[in-house]
Protein backbone atom coordinates (compact mmCIF):
# COMPACT_ATOMS: atom_id res chain seq x y z
CA MET A 1 -66.26 253.89 208.63
CA LEU A 2 -64.57 253.84 205.24
CA ASN A 3 -61.55 255.68 206.65
CA ALA A 4 -61.08 253.12 209.24
CA LEU A 5 -61.27 250.30 206.64
CA GLU A 6 -58.67 252.15 204.52
CA VAL A 7 -56.33 252.62 207.35
CA VAL A 8 -56.66 249.05 208.66
CA THR A 9 -56.22 247.67 205.15
CA THR A 10 -53.22 249.72 204.34
CA VAL A 11 -51.52 248.84 207.70
CA ILE A 12 -52.16 245.15 207.27
CA VAL A 13 -50.97 245.00 203.79
CA GLY A 14 -47.84 247.09 204.70
CA VAL A 15 -46.96 244.91 207.68
CA MET A 16 -47.28 241.85 205.27
CA VAL A 17 -44.91 243.63 202.74
CA GLY A 18 -42.48 244.33 205.58
CA VAL A 19 -42.39 240.63 206.69
CA GLU A 20 -42.08 239.30 203.18
CA PHE A 21 -39.40 241.89 202.32
CA SER A 22 -37.55 240.77 205.44
CA VAL A 23 -37.76 237.13 204.49
CA ALA A 24 -36.48 237.83 200.93
CA PHE A 25 -33.57 240.33 201.82
CA ILE A 26 -32.68 239.55 205.46
CA MET A 27 -33.82 236.30 206.83
CA ASN A 28 -32.78 234.15 203.85
CA ARG A 29 -29.30 235.70 203.73
CA ILE A 30 -28.79 235.10 207.46
CA LEU A 31 -30.09 231.41 207.14
CA ASP A 32 -27.87 230.83 204.06
CA ALA A 33 -24.83 232.02 206.17
CA LEU A 34 -25.26 229.61 208.91
CA PRO A 35 -22.85 226.70 209.20
CA GLU A 36 -23.53 223.10 208.15
CA ASP A 37 -27.25 222.07 208.20
CA SER A 38 -28.49 224.94 210.33
CA GLY A 39 -29.52 226.98 207.43
CA GLN A 40 -31.51 224.30 205.84
CA LEU A 41 -33.23 223.51 209.20
CA GLY A 42 -33.99 227.21 209.63
CA HIS A 43 -35.61 227.38 206.16
CA ALA A 44 -37.77 224.32 206.90
CA HIS A 45 -38.83 225.81 210.38
CA GLY A 46 -39.57 229.18 208.69
CA GLY A 47 -41.62 227.50 205.99
CA ARG A 48 -43.75 225.65 208.72
CA MET A 49 -44.21 228.65 210.86
CA LEU A 50 -44.75 231.32 208.14
CA GLY A 51 -46.67 228.72 205.94
CA ALA A 52 -49.34 228.51 208.54
CA LEU A 53 -49.84 232.14 208.93
CA MET A 54 -49.34 233.64 205.36
CA PRO A 55 -52.48 232.06 203.76
CA PHE A 56 -54.70 233.99 206.22
CA TRP A 57 -52.69 237.14 205.72
CA TYR A 58 -52.63 237.13 202.00
CA ILE A 59 -56.42 236.18 201.75
CA GLY A 60 -57.43 238.64 204.51
CA SER A 61 -55.51 241.44 202.76
CA LEU A 62 -57.27 240.67 199.48
CA VAL A 63 -60.66 240.54 201.19
CA LEU A 64 -60.11 243.84 202.90
CA SER A 65 -58.92 245.39 199.64
CA ALA A 66 -61.97 244.08 197.90
CA ILE A 67 -64.27 245.48 200.52
CA TRP A 68 -62.48 248.76 200.29
CA ALA A 69 -63.00 248.76 196.49
CA VAL A 70 -66.68 248.07 196.90
CA ALA A 71 -67.29 250.43 199.64
CA GLY A 72 -65.28 253.21 198.10
CA TRP A 73 -66.40 252.74 194.66
CA HIS A 74 -67.63 256.18 194.04
CA HIS A 75 -64.69 257.83 196.00
CA HIS A 76 -61.41 259.23 194.83
CA GLY A 77 -58.92 256.37 194.42
CA ALA A 78 -61.23 253.53 193.70
CA GLY A 79 -59.40 252.49 190.60
CA LEU A 80 -56.08 252.38 192.42
CA VAL A 81 -57.77 250.12 195.10
CA VAL A 82 -59.29 247.89 192.42
CA THR A 83 -55.78 247.53 190.76
CA ALA A 84 -54.10 246.79 194.16
CA ALA A 85 -56.78 244.13 194.86
CA GLY A 86 -55.93 242.68 191.28
CA LEU A 87 -52.29 242.69 192.28
CA LEU A 88 -52.99 240.91 195.52
CA ILE A 89 -54.95 238.15 193.47
CA VAL A 90 -51.86 237.76 191.40
CA SER A 91 -49.93 237.22 194.67
CA VAL A 92 -52.31 234.61 195.93
CA VAL A 93 -52.36 232.80 192.67
CA MET A 94 -48.46 232.94 192.50
CA SER A 95 -48.41 231.65 196.06
CA ILE A 96 -50.64 228.68 195.39
CA LEU A 97 -49.23 227.70 192.03
CA LEU A 98 -45.53 228.39 192.41
CA LEU A 99 -44.35 228.97 195.99
CA VAL A 100 -46.55 226.73 198.19
CA PRO A 101 -45.62 223.47 196.39
CA ILE A 102 -41.89 224.11 196.97
CA ASN A 103 -42.56 225.35 200.66
CA ASN A 104 -44.63 222.14 201.36
CA ARG A 105 -41.76 220.08 200.38
CA ASN A 106 -39.10 222.22 202.08
CA LYS A 107 -40.95 222.33 205.50
CA THR A 108 -40.58 218.57 205.78
CA TRP A 109 -36.73 218.34 204.94
CA THR A 110 -34.24 217.29 207.44
CA PRO A 111 -30.51 216.72 206.70
CA ASP A 112 -31.39 212.99 206.44
CA ASN A 113 -34.39 213.22 203.93
CA ARG A 114 -33.78 216.25 201.89
CA PRO A 115 -33.36 215.83 198.12
CA ALA A 116 -30.15 216.22 196.25
CA ASP A 117 -31.38 219.39 194.58
CA TRP A 118 -32.69 221.06 197.72
CA LYS A 119 -30.53 224.17 197.25
CA GLN A 120 -31.76 224.51 193.63
CA GLN A 121 -35.39 224.34 194.94
CA LEU A 122 -34.82 226.92 197.52
CA ARG A 123 -33.21 229.27 194.96
CA ARG A 124 -36.20 228.81 192.66
CA TRP A 125 -38.56 229.59 195.64
CA ASP A 126 -36.45 232.67 196.25
CA ARG A 127 -36.82 233.79 192.71
CA PHE A 128 -40.50 233.48 192.71
CA HIS A 129 -40.75 235.16 196.16
CA TYR A 130 -38.74 238.16 194.78
CA VAL A 131 -41.47 238.57 192.07
CA ARG A 132 -44.15 238.12 194.66
CA VAL A 133 -42.61 240.83 196.85
CA ALA A 134 -42.55 243.21 193.99
CA VAL A 135 -46.22 242.53 193.27
CA ILE A 136 -47.23 243.09 196.88
CA ILE A 137 -45.04 246.20 197.08
CA ALA A 138 -46.80 247.59 193.94
CA ALA A 139 -50.21 246.72 195.57
CA PHE A 140 -49.25 248.45 198.84
CA THR A 141 -48.10 251.54 196.91
CA LEU A 142 -51.40 251.68 195.04
CA LEU A 143 -53.27 251.51 198.38
CA VAL A 144 -51.23 254.27 200.03
CA ALA A 145 -51.74 256.46 196.83
CA ALA A 146 -55.54 255.86 197.08
CA LEU A 147 -55.52 257.37 200.58
CA THR A 148 -54.38 260.69 199.24
């Protein structure tokens, strides 16, 4: 049963890393290259869509990692799993304190109501997101290492 938990947790965290990496390095560049207001509208829609899904994904990844850490406490790699869970806690705290407030504003913006500094706010979100992506990549790497 522990093996199944390890694989499921690693796959779920890995897919989350892939989605967040794609947002950071692919989707945002595509949206920023769109003409006129299309990019900003795409950012707002992405904020609504992914903003509804990601809390469950982040918390679910953290819970699965914590269960793995407890269930595998006396197994090889437990320290790596605990460290990965700690990094996932950091990613959740970062999300709540830094990224979600910007996203909550962004997802309501239209060309008619967006603030004058909307581009700066999106760039700030991007900078925080790059750090969060690095944190979850590190957590994923530790989970993979714990499998060996």
